[in-house]
């Protein structure tokens, strides 16, 4: 059975939101360009409007942190649509480093929702 376009967007979006780190999130966006389209934007808006969505995506996380993490991903996704995936991730991490496969994931800032330290000034 093949995935429909909307299923692919939803599965990709959840993968993006739950990825272990920023390089993994970036890789998902590159592998699933549909996430930069209108359907993903609408799905993301619906998720951020529903307080329960953040708790389902990030179980065990403080509700305020879960909501903030979801909004951060929404802002990042929007920025990717505006300026491109690589530029948005470089801007978001504040490292100025190219987050390509050759840099290695260990060199990029980790994204652990429970103890995350994000460059929140970039995405508000």
PDB file of N, CA and C in Angstrom:
ATOM      1  N   UNK A   1       0.842  -1.173   0.000  1.00  0.00           N
ATOM      2  CA  UNK A   1       0.000   0.000   0.000  1.00  0.00           C
ATOM      3  C   UNK A   1       0.893   1.244   0.000  1.00  0.00           C
ATOM      4  N   UNK A   2       0.566   2.201  -0.833  1.00  0.00           N
ATOM      5  CA  UNK A   2       1.355   3.419  -0.919  1.00  0.00           C
ATOM      6  C   UNK A   2       0.719   4.528  -0.085  1.00  0.00           C
ATOM      7  N   UNK A   3       1.562   5.430   0.354  1.00  0.00           N
ATOM      8  CA  UNK A   3       1.098   6.578   1.130  1.00  0.00           C
ATOM      9  C   UNK A   3       0.488   7.627   0.209  1.00  0.00           C
ATOM     10  N   UNK A   4      -0.629   8.198   0.629  1.00  0.00           N
ATOM     11  CA  UNK A   4      -1.188   9.321  -0.122  1.00  0.00           C
ATOM     12  C   UNK A   4      -0.358  10.558   0.188  1.00  0.00           C
ATOM     13  N   UNK A   5      -0.574  11.617  -0.580  1.00  0.00           N
ATOM     14  CA  UNK A   5       0.167  12.856  -0.355  1.00  0.00           C
ATOM     15  C   UNK A   5      -0.063  13.423   1.027  1.00  0.00           C
ATOM     16  N   UNK A   6      -1.323  13.390   1.493  1.00  0.00           N
ATOM     17  CA  UNK A   6      -1.613  13.951   2.823  1.00  0.00           C
ATOM     18  C   UNK A   6      -1.012  13.099   3.932  1.00  0.00           C
ATOM     19  N   UNK A   7      -0.996  11.766   3.745  1.00  0.00           N
ATOM     20  CA  UNK A   7      -0.361  10.898   4.743  1.00  0.00           C
ATOM     21  C   UNK A   7       1.139  11.164   4.804  1.00  0.00           C
ATOM     22  N   UNK A   8       1.743  11.327   3.640  1.00  0.00           N
ATOM     23  CA  UNK A   8       3.193  11.601   3.588  1.00  0.00           C
ATOM     24  C   UNK A   8       3.511  12.913   4.300  1.00  0.00           C
ATOM     25  N   UNK A   9       2.672  13.920   4.092  1.00  0.00           N
ATOM     26  CA  UNK A   9       2.888  15.210   4.753  1.00  0.00           C
ATOM     27  C   UNK A   9       2.758  15.045   6.267  1.00  0.00           C
ATOM     28  N   UNK A  10       1.718  14.369   6.710  1.00  0.00           N
ATOM     29  CA  UNK A  10       1.506  14.200   8.148  1.00  0.00           C
ATOM     30  C   UNK A  10       2.621  13.385   8.794  1.00  0.00           C
ATOM     31  N   UNK A  11       2.997  12.282   8.167  1.00  0.00           N
ATOM     32  CA  UNK A  11       4.085  11.455   8.693  1.00  0.00           C
ATOM     33  C   UNK A  11       5.395  12.242   8.715  1.00  0.00           C
ATOM     34  N   UNK A  12       5.668  12.961   7.635  1.00  0.00           N
ATOM     35  CA  UNK A  12       6.886  13.768   7.573  1.00  0.00           C
ATOM     36  C   UNK A  12       6.889  14.876   8.607  1.00  0.00           C
ATOM     37  N   UNK A  13       5.749  15.507   8.793  1.00  0.00           N
ATOM     38  CA  UNK A  13       5.645  16.595   9.755  1.00  0.00           C
ATOM     39  C   UNK A  13       5.880  16.095  11.177  1.00  0.00           C
ATOM     40  N   UNK A  14       5.311  14.968  11.503  1.00  0.00           N
ATOM     41  CA  UNK A  14       5.528  14.397  12.841  1.00  0.00           C
ATOM     42  C   UNK A  14       6.991  14.000  13.010  1.00  0.00           C
ATOM     43  N   UNK A  15       7.585  13.446  11.967  1.00  0.00           N
ATOM     44  CA  UNK A  15       9.013  13.122  12.027  1.00  0.00           C
ATOM     45  C   UNK A  15       9.861  14.358  12.244  1.00  0.00           C
ATOM     46  N   UNK A  16       9.538  15.425  11.536  1.00  0.00           N
ATOM     47  CA  UNK A  16      10.241  16.695  11.691  1.00  0.00           C
ATOM     48  C   UNK A  16      10.117  17.211  13.122  1.00  0.00           C
ATOM     49  N   UNK A  17       8.922  17.147  13.671  1.00  0.00           N
ATOM     50  CA  UNK A  17       8.671  17.661  15.018  1.00  0.00           C
ATOM     51  C   UNK A  17       9.327  16.816  16.109  1.00  0.00           C
ATOM     52  N   UNK A  18       9.508  15.545  15.852  1.00  0.00           N
ATOM     53  CA  UNK A  18      10.050  14.634  16.865  1.00  0.00           C
ATOM     54  C   UNK A  18      11.494  14.218  16.609  1.00  0.00           C
ATOM     55  N   UNK A  19      12.127  14.780  15.614  1.00  0.00           N
ATOM     56  CA  UNK A  19      13.509  14.399  15.288  1.00  0.00           C
ATOM     57  C   UNK A  19      14.424  14.614  16.489  1.00  0.00           C
ATOM     58  N   UNK A  20      15.452  13.789  16.572  1.00  0.00           N
ATOM     59  CA  UNK A  20      16.376  13.827  17.714  1.00  0.00           C
ATOM     60  C   UNK A  20      17.189  15.102  17.803  1.00  0.00           C
ATOM     61  N   UNK A  21      17.516  15.681  16.663  1.00  0.00           N
ATOM     62  CA  UNK A  21      18.382  16.855  16.660  1.00  0.00           C
ATOM     63  C   UNK A  21      18.108  17.683  15.406  1.00  0.00           C
ATOM     64  N   UNK A  22      18.738  18.828  15.340  1.00  0.00           N
ATOM     65  CA  UNK A  22      18.502  19.721  14.201  1.00  0.00           C
ATOM     66  C   UNK A  22      18.943  19.132  12.866  1.00  0.00           C
ATOM     67  N   UNK A  23      20.087  18.458  12.785  1.00  0.00           N
ATOM     68  CA  UNK A  23      20.443  17.857  11.490  1.00  0.00           C
ATOM     69  C   UNK A  23      19.401  16.836  11.017  1.00  0.00           C
ATOM     70  N   UNK A  24      18.834  16.085  11.944  1.00  0.00           N
ATOM     71  CA  UNK A  24      17.802  15.113  11.566  1.00  0.00           C
ATOM     72  C   UNK A  24      16.543  15.837  11.083  1.00  0.00           C
ATOM     73  N   UNK A  25      16.177  16.924  11.738  1.00  0.00           N
ATOM     74  CA  UNK A  25      15.027  17.715  11.300  1.00  0.00           C
ATOM     75  C   UNK A  25      15.255  18.262   9.902  1.00  0.00           C
ATOM     76  N   UNK A  26      16.446  18.778   9.679  1.00  0.00           N
ATOM     77  CA  UNK A  26      16.793  19.334   8.367  1.00  0.00           C
ATOM     78  C   UNK A  26      16.743  18.253   7.294  1.00  0.00           C
ATOM     79  N   UNK A  27      17.268  17.087   7.611  1.00  0.00           N
ATOM     80  CA  UNK A  27      17.289  15.977   6.664  1.00  0.00           C
ATOM     81  C   UNK A  27      15.857  15.578   6.266  1.00  0.00           C
ATOM     82  N   UNK A  28      14.951  15.579   7.231  1.00  0.00           N
ATOM     83  CA  UNK A  28      13.553  15.248   6.941  1.00  0.00           C
ATOM     84  C   UNK A  28      12.950  16.261   5.981  1.00  0.00           C
ATOM     85  N   UNK A  29      13.228  17.537   6.188  1.00  0.00           N
ATOM     86  CA  UNK A  29      12.704  18.561   5.284  1.00  0.00           C
ATOM     87  C   UNK A  29      13.262  18.403   3.876  1.00  0.00           C
ATOM     88  N   UNK A  30      14.500  18.019   3.771  1.00  0.00           N
ATOM     89  CA  UNK A  30      15.124  17.831   2.459  1.00  0.00           C
ATOM     90  C   UNK A  30      14.533  16.606   1.766  1.00  0.00           C
ATOM     91  N   UNK A  31      14.299  15.544   2.534  1.00  0.00           N
ATOM     92  CA  UNK A  31      13.769  14.308   1.963  1.00  0.00           C
ATOM     93  C   UNK A  31      12.271  14.380   1.669  1.00  0.00           C
ATOM     94  N   UNK A  32      11.590  15.304   2.290  1.00  0.00           N
ATOM     95  CA  UNK A  32      10.140  15.433   2.114  1.00  0.00           C
ATOM     96  C   UNK A  32       9.801  16.889   1.799  1.00  0.00           C
ATOM     97  N   UNK A  33      10.093  17.330   0.584  1.00  0.00           N
ATOM     98  CA  UNK A  33       9.863  18.737   0.233  1.00  0.00           C
ATOM     99  C   UNK A  33       8.398  19.164   0.342  1.00  0.00           C
ATOM    100  N   UNK A  34       7.481  18.194   0.410  1.00  0.00           N
ATOM    101  CA  UNK A  34       6.074  18.529   0.608  1.00  0.00           C
ATOM    102  C   UNK A  34       5.852  19.284   1.915  1.00  0.00           C
ATOM    103  N   UNK A  35       6.770  19.140   2.851  1.00  0.00           N
ATOM    104  CA  UNK A  35       6.646  19.827   4.142  1.00  0.00           C
ATOM    105  C   UNK A  35       6.818  21.337   4.008  1.00  0.00           C
ATOM    106  N   UNK A  36       7.280  21.775   2.860  1.00  0.00           N
ATOM    107  CA  UNK A  36       7.425  23.204   2.619  1.00  0.00           C
ATOM    108  C   UNK A  36       6.209  23.770   1.881  1.00  0.00           C
ATOM    109  N   UNK A  37       5.203  22.942   1.693  1.00  0.00           N
ATOM    110  CA  UNK A  37       4.015  23.356   0.957  1.00  0.00           C
ATOM    111  C   UNK A  37       2.876  23.815   1.846  1.00  0.00           C
ATOM    112  N   UNK A  38       1.798  24.192   1.192  1.00  0.00           N
ATOM    113  CA  UNK A  38       0.633  24.731   1.890  1.00  0.00           C
ATOM    114  C   UNK A  38      -0.029  23.725   2.830  1.00  0.00           C
ATOM    115  N   UNK A  39      -0.119  22.456   2.427  1.00  0.00           N
ATOM    116  CA  UNK A  39      -0.774  21.450   3.264  1.00  0.00           C
ATOM    117  C   UNK A  39      -0.063  21.320   4.612  1.00  0.00           C
ATOM    118  N   UNK A  40       1.257  21.305   4.587  1.00  0.00           N
ATOM    119  CA  UNK A  40       2.022  21.206   5.834  1.00  0.00           C
ATOM    120  C   UNK A  40       1.854  22.469   6.674  1.00  0.00           C
ATOM    121  N   UNK A  41       1.804  23.610   6.013  1.00  0.00           N
ATOM    122  CA  UNK A  41       1.612  24.863   6.742  1.00  0.00           C
ATOM    123  C   UNK A  41       0.259  24.864   7.454  1.00  0.00           C
ATOM    124  N   UNK A  42      -0.779  24.409   6.771  1.00  0.00           N
ATOM    125  CA  UNK A  42      -2.111  24.356   7.380  1.00  0.00           C
ATOM    126  C   UNK A  42      -2.158  23.358   8.534  1.00  0.00           C
ATOM    127  N   UNK A  43      -1.529  22.192   8.346  1.00  0.00           N
ATOM    128  CA  UNK A  43      -1.491  21.186   9.410  1.00  0.00           C
ATOM    129  C   UNK A  43      -0.738  21.710  10.618  1.00  0.00           C
ATOM    130  N   UNK A  44       0.354  22.396  10.369  1.00  0.00           N
ATOM    131  CA  UNK A  44       1.153  22.948  11.459  1.00  0.00           C
ATOM    132  C   UNK A  44       0.369  24.020  12.208  1.00  0.00           C
ATOM    133  N   UNK A  45      -0.339  24.862  11.490  1.00  0.00           N
ATOM    134  CA  UNK A  45      -1.162  25.891  12.131  1.00  0.00           C
ATOM    135  C   UNK A  45      -2.237  25.263  13.005  1.00  0.00           C
ATOM    136  N   UNK A  46      -2.847  24.192  12.504  1.00  0.00           N
ATOM    137  CA  UNK A  46      -3.875  23.501  13.292  1.00  0.00           C
ATOM    138  C   UNK A  46      -3.272  22.909  14.565  1.00  0.00           C
ATOM    139  N   UNK A  47      -2.070  22.351  14.454  1.00  0.00           N
ATOM    140  CA  UNK A  47      -1.420  21.769  15.637  1.00  0.00           C
ATOM    141  C   UNK A  47      -1.087  22.833  16.676  1.00  0.00           C
ATOM    142  N   UNK A  48      -0.545  23.951  16.232  1.00  0.00           N
ATOM    143  CA  UNK A  48      -0.169  24.983  17.200  1.00  0.00           C
ATOM    144  C   UNK A  48      -1.392  25.640  17.821  1.00  0.00           C
ATOM    145  N   UNK A  49      -2.528  25.580  17.154  1.00  0.00           N
ATOM    146  CA  UNK A  49      -3.758  26.159  17.704  1.00  0.00           C
ATOM    147  C   UNK A  49      -4.409  25.244  18.738  1.00  0.00           C
ATOM    148  N   UNK A  50      -4.018  23.988  18.759  1.00  0.00           N
ATOM    149  CA  UNK A  50      -4.606  23.010  19.673  1.00  0.00           C
ATOM    150  C   UNK A  50      -3.620  22.697  20.799  1.00  0.00           C
ATOM    151  N   UNK A  51      -3.896  23.156  22.027  1.00  0.00           N
ATOM    152  CA  UNK A  51      -2.974  22.912  23.141  1.00  0.00           C
ATOM    153  C   UNK A  51      -2.677  21.429  23.384  1.00  0.00           C
ATOM    154  N   UNK A  52      -3.611  20.563  23.057  1.00  0.00           N
ATOM    155  CA  UNK A  52      -3.396  19.130  23.277  1.00  0.00           C
ATOM    156  C   UNK A  52      -2.370  18.549  22.307  1.00  0.00           C
ATOM    157  N   UNK A  53      -2.209  19.163  21.150  1.00  0.00           N
ATOM    158  CA  UNK A  53      -1.287  18.637  20.142  1.00  0.00           C
ATOM    159  C   UNK A  53       0.149  18.623  20.650  1.00  0.00           C
ATOM    160  N   UNK A  54       0.571  19.691  21.291  1.00  0.00           N
ATOM    161  CA  UNK A  54       1.945  19.751  21.801  1.00  0.00           C
ATOM    162  C   UNK A  54       2.190  18.649  22.824  1.00  0.00           C
ATOM    163  N   UNK A  55       1.210  18.388  23.662  1.00  0.00           N
ATOM    164  CA  UNK A  55       1.363  17.345  24.675  1.00  0.00           C
ATOM    165  C   UNK A  55       1.385  15.954  24.058  1.00  0.00           C
ATOM    166  N   UNK A  56       0.666  15.759  22.965  1.00  0.00           N
ATOM    167  CA  UNK A  56       0.706  14.462  22.273  1.00  0.00           C
ATOM    168  C   UNK A  56       2.039  14.267  21.567  1.00  0.00           C
ATOM    169  N   UNK A  57       2.570  15.347  21.014  1.00  0.00           N
ATOM    170  CA  UNK A  57       3.850  15.251  20.311  1.00  0.00           C
ATOM    171  C   UNK A  57       5.024  15.088  21.261  1.00  0.00           C
ATOM    172  N   UNK A  58       4.945  15.734  22.407  1.00  0.00           N
ATOM    173  CA  UNK A  58       6.042  15.736  23.375  1.00  0.00           C
ATOM    174  C   UNK A  58       5.537  15.286  24.740  1.00  0.00           C
ATOM    175  N   UNK A  59       5.123  14.016  24.860  1.00  0.00           N
ATOM    176  CA  UNK A  59       4.589  13.535  26.138  1.00  0.00           C
ATOM    177  C   UNK A  59       5.633  13.618  27.242  1.00  0.00           C
ATOM    178  N   UNK A  60       5.172  13.987  28.406  1.00  0.00           N
ATOM    179  CA  UNK A  60       6.066  14.083  29.554  1.00  0.00           C
ATOM    180  C   UNK A  60       6.765  15.417  29.676  1.00  0.00           C
ATOM    181  N   UNK A  61       6.661  16.243  28.676  1.00  0.00           N
ATOM    182  CA  UNK A  61       7.291  17.556  28.715  1.00  0.00           C
ATOM    183  C   UNK A  61       6.319  18.543  29.342  1.00  0.00           C
ATOM    184  N   UNK A  62       6.836  19.486  30.079  1.00  0.00           N
ATOM    185  CA  UNK A  62       6.016  20.548  30.657  1.00  0.00           C
ATOM    186  C   UNK A  62       5.166  21.167  29.547  1.00  0.00           C
ATOM    187  N   UNK A  63       3.870  21.373  29.791  1.00  0.00           N
ATOM    188  CA  UNK A  63       2.992  21.901  28.732  1.00  0.00           C
ATOM    189  C   UNK A  63       3.472  23.207  28.102  1.00  0.00           C
ATOM    190  N   UNK A  64       3.998  24.113  28.903  1.00  0.00           N
ATOM    191  CA  UNK A  64       4.482  25.379  28.349  1.00  0.00           C
ATOM    192  C   UNK A  64       5.696  25.152  27.448  1.00  0.00           C
ATOM    193  N   UNK A  65       6.597  24.258  27.856  1.00  0.00           N
ATOM    194  CA  UNK A  65       7.771  23.953  27.031  1.00  0.00           C
ATOM    195  C   UNK A  65       7.363  23.236  25.754  1.00  0.00           C
ATOM    196  N   UNK A  66       6.403  22.327  25.869  1.00  0.00           N
ATOM    197  CA  UNK A  66       5.932  21.598  24.689  1.00  0.00           C
ATOM    198  C   UNK A  66       5.320  22.569  23.678  1.00  0.00           C
ATOM    199  N   UNK A  67       4.507  23.486  24.155  1.00  0.00           N
ATOM    200  CA  UNK A  67       3.883  24.476  23.266  1.00  0.00           C
ATOM    201  C   UNK A  67       4.942  25.370  22.630  1.00  0.00           C
ATOM    202  N   UNK A  68       5.939  25.761  23.407  1.00  0.00           N
ATOM    203  CA  UNK A  68       7.012  26.616  22.885  1.00  0.00           C
ATOM    204  C   UNK A  68       7.828  25.863  21.820  1.00  0.00           C
ATOM    205  N   UNK A  69       8.089  24.588  22.061  1.00  0.00           N
ATOM    206  CA  UNK A  69       8.841  23.785  21.102  1.00  0.00           C
ATOM    207  C   UNK A  69       8.064  23.625  19.794  1.00  0.00           C
ATOM    208  N   UNK A  70       6.762  23.429  19.903  1.00  0.00           N
ATOM    209  CA  UNK A  70       5.928  23.323  18.710  1.00  0.00           C
ATOM    210  C   UNK A  70       5.913  24.640  17.927  1.00  0.00           C
ATOM    211  N   UNK A  71       5.784  25.752  18.634  1.00  0.00           N
ATOM    212  CA  UNK A  71       5.809  27.064  17.959  1.00  0.00           C
ATOM    213  C   UNK A  71       7.161  27.334  17.318  1.00  0.00           C
ATOM    214  N   UNK A  72       8.217  26.885  17.971  1.00  0.00           N
ATOM    215  CA  UNK A  72       9.554  27.068  17.414  1.00  0.00           C
ATOM    216  C   UNK A  72       9.687  26.318  16.084  1.00  0.00           C
ATOM    217  N   UNK A  73       9.164  25.103  16.049  1.00  0.00           N
ATOM    218  CA  UNK A  73       9.192  24.338  14.803  1.00  0.00           C
ATOM    219  C   UNK A  73       8.340  25.000  13.725  1.00  0.00           C
ATOM    220  N   UNK A  74       7.213  25.555  14.126  1.00  0.00           N
ATOM    221  CA  UNK A  74       6.361  26.254  13.164  1.00  0.00           C
ATOM    222  C   UNK A  74       7.107  27.446  12.566  1.00  0.00           C
ATOM    223  N   UNK A  75       7.787  28.203  13.408  1.00  0.00           N
ATOM    224  CA  UNK A  75       8.551  29.356  12.936  1.00  0.00           C
ATOM    225  C   UNK A  75       9.696  28.915  12.024  1.00  0.00           C
ATOM    226  N   UNK A  76      10.360  27.826  12.393  1.00  0.00           N
ATOM    227  CA  UNK A  76      11.461  27.311  11.572  1.00  0.00           C
ATOM    228  C   UNK A  76      10.941  26.846  10.213  1.00  0.00           C
ATOM    229  N   UNK A  77       9.839  26.139  10.212  1.00  0.00           N
ATOM    230  CA  UNK A  77       9.256  25.677   8.955  1.00  0.00           C
ATOM    231  C   UNK A  77       8.871  26.859   8.068  1.00  0.00           C
ATOM    232  N   UNK A  78       8.306  27.866   8.657  1.00  0.00           N
ATOM    233  CA  UNK A  78       7.946  29.071   7.911  1.00  0.00           C
ATOM    234  C   UNK A  78       9.192  29.737   7.333  1.00  0.00           C
ATOM    235  N   UNK A  79      10.227  29.800   8.139  1.00  0.00           N
ATOM    236  CA  UNK A  79      11.473  30.428   7.677  1.00  0.00           C
ATOM    237  C   UNK A  79      12.103  29.617   6.551  1.00  0.00           C
ATOM    238  N   UNK A  80      11.997  28.292   6.639  1.00  0.00           N
ATOM    239  CA  UNK A  80      12.506  27.439   5.562  1.00  0.00           C
ATOM    240  C   UNK A  80      11.783  27.730   4.257  1.00  0.00           C
ATOM    241  N   UNK A  81      10.501  27.981   4.342  1.00  0.00           N
ATOM    242  CA  UNK A  81       9.730  28.329   3.150  1.00  0.00           C
ATOM    243  C   UNK A  81      10.193  29.670   2.579  1.00  0.00           C
ATOM    244  N   UNK A  82      10.581  30.582   3.447  1.00  0.00           N
ATOM    245  CA  UNK A  82      10.966  31.924   3.010  1.00  0.00           C
ATOM    246  C   UNK A  82      12.355  31.984   2.399  1.00  0.00           C
ATOM    247  N   UNK A  83      13.330  31.377   3.072  1.00  0.00           N
ATOM    248  CA  UNK A  83      14.723  31.562   2.646  1.00  0.00           C
ATOM    249  C   UNK A  83      15.442  30.273   2.276  1.00  0.00           C
ATOM    250  N   UNK A  84      14.782  29.130   2.443  1.00  0.00           N
ATOM    251  CA  UNK A  84      15.404  27.846   2.121  1.00  0.00           C
ATOM    252  C   UNK A  84      15.830  27.103   3.374  1.00  0.00           C
ATOM    253  N   UNK A  85      15.894  25.809   3.249  1.00  0.00           N
ATOM    254  CA  UNK A  85      16.169  24.941   4.393  1.00  0.00           C
ATOM    255  C   UNK A  85      17.547  25.212   4.997  1.00  0.00           C
ATOM    256  N   UNK A  86      18.588  25.192   4.190  1.00  0.00           N
ATOM    257  CA  UNK A  86      19.942  25.358   4.741  1.00  0.00           C
ATOM    258  C   UNK A  86      20.124  26.719   5.407  1.00  0.00           C
ATOM    259  N   UNK A  87      19.667  27.768   4.752  1.00  0.00           N
ATOM    260  CA  UNK A  87      19.820  29.109   5.323  1.00  0.00           C
ATOM    261  C   UNK A  87      19.017  29.262   6.607  1.00  0.00           C
ATOM    262  N   UNK A  88      17.810  28.714   6.640  1.00  0.00           N
ATOM    263  CA  UNK A  88      16.977  28.833   7.840  1.00  0.00           C
ATOM    264  C   UNK A  88      17.598  28.092   9.023  1.00  0.00           C
ATOM    265  N   UNK A  89      18.148  26.916   8.789  1.00  0.00           N
ATOM    266  CA  UNK A  89      18.763  26.174   9.880  1.00  0.00           C
ATOM    267  C   UNK A  89      20.039  26.855  10.356  1.00  0.00           C
ATOM    268  N   UNK A  90      20.809  27.399   9.440  1.00  0.00           N
ATOM    269  CA  UNK A  90      22.009  28.128   9.836  1.00  0.00           C
ATOM    270  C   UNK A  90      21.628  29.359  10.648  1.00  0.00           C
ATOM    271  N   UNK A  91      20.617  30.073  10.214  1.00  0.00           N
ATOM    272  CA  UNK A  91      20.128  31.245  10.938  1.00  0.00           C
ATOM    273  C   UNK A  91      19.605  30.850  12.325  1.00  0.00           C
ATOM    274  N   UNK A  92      18.852  29.765  12.393  1.00  0.00           N
ATOM    275  CA  UNK A  92      18.255  29.330  13.651  1.00  0.00           C
ATOM    276  C   UNK A  92      19.295  28.891  14.672  1.00  0.00           C
ATOM    277  N   UNK A  93      20.295  28.145  14.237  1.00  0.00           N
ATOM    278  CA  UNK A  93      21.283  27.651  15.194  1.00  0.00           C
ATOM    279  C   UNK A  93      22.245  28.745  15.629  1.00  0.00           C
ATOM    280  N   UNK A  94      22.356  29.790  14.799  1.00  0.00           N
ATOM    281  CA  UNK A  94      23.250  30.882  15.147  1.00  0.00           C
ATOM    282  C   UNK A  94      24.716  30.514  15.059  1.00  0.00           C
ATOM    283  N   UNK A  95      25.014  29.355  14.481  1.00  0.00           N
ATOM    284  CA  UNK A  95      26.398  28.909  14.427  1.00  0.00           C
ATOM    285  C   UNK A  95      27.143  29.432  13.217  1.00  0.00           C
ATOM    286  N   UNK A  96      26.393  29.771  12.178  1.00  0.00           N
ATOM    287  CA  UNK A  96      27.041  30.172  10.942  1.00  0.00           C
ATOM    288  C   UNK A  96      27.667  29.008  10.221  1.00  0.00           C
ATOM    289  N   UNK A  97      27.495  27.794  10.772  1.00  0.00           N
ATOM    290  CA  UNK A  97      28.057  26.602  10.144  1.00  0.00           C
ATOM    291  C   UNK A  97      27.081  26.046   9.127  1.00  0.00           C
ATOM    292  N   UNK A  98      27.615  25.460   8.089  1.00  0.00           N
ATOM    293  CA  UNK A  98      26.795  24.760   7.124  1.00  0.00           C
ATOM    294  C   UNK A  98      26.426  23.417   7.739  1.00  0.00           C
ATOM    295  N   UNK A  99      25.142  23.137   7.856  1.00  0.00           N
ATOM    296  CA  UNK A  99      24.701  21.892   8.471  1.00  0.00           C
ATOM    297  C   UNK A  99      24.552  20.792   7.424  1.00  0.00           C
ATOM    298  N   UNK A 100      25.593  20.558   6.659  1.00  0.00           N
ATOM    299  CA  UNK A 100      25.542  19.509   5.656  1.00  0.00           C
ATOM    300  C   UNK A 100      26.009  18.208   6.266  1.00  0.00           C
ATOM    301  N   UNK A 101      25.798  17.144   5.558  1.00  0.00           N
ATOM    302  CA  UNK A 101      26.171  15.820   6.060  1.00  0.00           C
ATOM    303  C   UNK A 101      27.658  15.722   6.380  1.00  0.00           C
ATOM    304  N   UNK A 102      28.485  16.505   5.734  1.00  0.00           N
ATOM    305  CA  UNK A 102      29.923  16.389   5.940  1.00  0.00           C
ATOM    306  C   UNK A 102      30.368  16.956   7.280  1.00  0.00           C
ATOM    307  N   UNK A 103      29.537  17.765   7.952  1.00  0.00           N
ATOM    308  CA  UNK A 103      29.955  18.326   9.234  1.00  0.00           C
ATOM    309  C   UNK A 103      29.795  17.325  10.360  1.00  0.00           C
ATOM    310  N   UNK A 104      28.949  16.330  10.177  1.00  0.00           N
ATOM    311  CA  UNK A 104      28.714  15.355  11.236  1.00  0.00           C
ATOM    312  C   UNK A 104      27.700  15.868  12.232  1.00  0.00           C
ATOM    313  N   UNK A 105      26.773  15.043  12.603  1.00  0.00           N
ATOM    314  CA  UNK A 105      25.704  15.471  13.502  1.00  0.00           C
ATOM    315  C   UNK A 105      26.210  15.879  14.876  1.00  0.00           C
ATOM    316  N   UNK A 106      27.294  15.293  15.332  1.00  0.00           N
ATOM    317  CA  UNK A 106      27.768  15.604  16.678  1.00  0.00           C
ATOM    318  C   UNK A 106      28.258  17.036  16.812  1.00  0.00           C
ATOM    319  N   UNK A 107      28.574  17.693  15.699  1.00  0.00           N
ATOM    320  CA  UNK A 107      29.059  19.062  15.763  1.00  0.00           C
ATOM    321  C   UNK A 107      27.935  20.082  15.849  1.00  0.00           C
ATOM    322  N   UNK A 108      26.717  19.682  15.544  1.00  0.00           N
ATOM    323  CA  UNK A 108      25.592  20.594  15.533  1.00  0.00           C
ATOM    324  C   UNK A 108      24.915  20.630  16.897  1.00  0.00           C
ATOM    325  N   UNK A 109      24.255  21.723  17.230  1.00  0.00           N
ATOM    326  CA  UNK A 109      23.611  21.839  18.521  1.00  0.00           C
ATOM    327  C   UNK A 109      22.559  20.759  18.716  1.00  0.00           C
ATOM    328  N   UNK A 110      22.569  20.093  19.866  1.00  0.00           N
ATOM    329  CA  UNK A 110      21.568  19.067  20.114  1.00  0.00           C
ATOM    330  C   UNK A 110      20.198  19.683  20.334  1.00  0.00           C
ATOM    331  N   UNK A 111      19.175  18.889  20.108  1.00  0.00           N
ATOM    332  CA  UNK A 111      17.833  19.352  20.386  1.00  0.00           C
ATOM    333  C   UNK A 111      17.145  18.294  21.224  1.00  0.00           C
ATOM    334  N   UNK A 112      17.252  18.444  22.519  1.00  0.00           N
ATOM    335  CA  UNK A 112      16.605  17.545  23.458  1.00  0.00           C
ATOM    336  C   UNK A 112      15.462  18.306  24.099  1.00  0.00           C
ATOM    337  N   UNK A 113      14.206  17.971  23.770  1.00  0.00           N
ATOM    338  CA  UNK A 113      13.083  18.753  24.276  1.00  0.00           C
ATOM    339  C   UNK A 113      13.029  18.874  25.790  1.00  0.00           C
ATOM    340  N   UNK A 114      13.571  17.921  26.515  1.00  0.00           N
ATOM    341  CA  UNK A 114      13.479  17.985  27.974  1.00  0.00           C
ATOM    342  C   UNK A 114      14.529  18.886  28.605  1.00  0.00           C
ATOM    343  N   UNK A 115      15.620  19.095  27.941  1.00  0.00           N
ATOM    344  CA  UNK A 115      16.655  19.948  28.504  1.00  0.00           C
ATOM    345  C   UNK A 115      17.212  20.894  27.465  1.00  0.00           C
ATOM    346  N   UNK A 116      16.374  21.257  26.542  1.00  0.00           N
ATOM    347  CA  UNK A 116      16.828  21.994  25.370  1.00  0.00           C
ATOM    348  C   UNK A 116      17.335  23.384  25.702  1.00  0.00           C
ATOM    349  N   UNK A 117      18.391  23.745  25.041  1.00  0.00           N
ATOM    350  CA  UNK A 117      18.873  25.116  25.032  1.00  0.00           C
ATOM    351  C   UNK A 117      18.859  25.529  23.580  1.00  0.00           C
ATOM    352  N   UNK A 118      17.915  26.385  23.230  1.00  0.00           N
ATOM    353  CA  UNK A 118      17.752  26.805  21.861  1.00  0.00           C
ATOM    354  C   UNK A 118      18.155  28.260  21.720  1.00  0.00           C
ATOM    355  N   UNK A 119      18.518  28.616  20.536  1.00  0.00           N
ATOM    356  CA  UNK A 119      18.794  30.004  20.216  1.00  0.00           C
ATOM    357  C   UNK A 119      17.443  30.647  19.920  1.00  0.00           C
ATOM    358  N   UNK A 120      16.645  30.874  20.956  1.00  0.00           N
ATOM    359  CA  UNK A 120      15.278  31.322  20.781  1.00  0.00           C
ATOM    360  C   UNK A 120      15.174  32.753  20.287  1.00  0.00           C
ATOM    361  N   UNK A 121      16.208  33.523  20.437  1.00  0.00           N
ATOM    362  CA  UNK A 121      16.174  34.890  19.963  1.00  0.00           C
ATOM    363  C   UNK A 121      15.985  34.975  18.459  1.00  0.00           C
ATOM    364  N   UNK A 122      16.421  33.981  17.740  1.00  0.00           N
ATOM    365  CA  UNK A 122      16.318  33.989  16.285  1.00  0.00           C
ATOM    366  C   UNK A 122      14.880  33.751  15.816  1.00  0.00           C
ATOM    367  N   UNK A 123      14.140  32.924  16.552  1.00  0.00           N
ATOM    368  CA  UNK A 123      12.818  32.543  16.097  1.00  0.00           C
ATOM    369  C   UNK A 123      11.698  33.089  16.971  1.00  0.00           C
ATOM    370  N   UNK A 124      12.046  33.799  18.007  1.00  0.00           N
ATOM    371  CA  UNK A 124      11.021  34.399  18.860  1.00  0.00           C
ATOM    372  C   UNK A 124      10.332  33.385  19.635  1.00  0.00           C
TER     373      UNK A 124
END
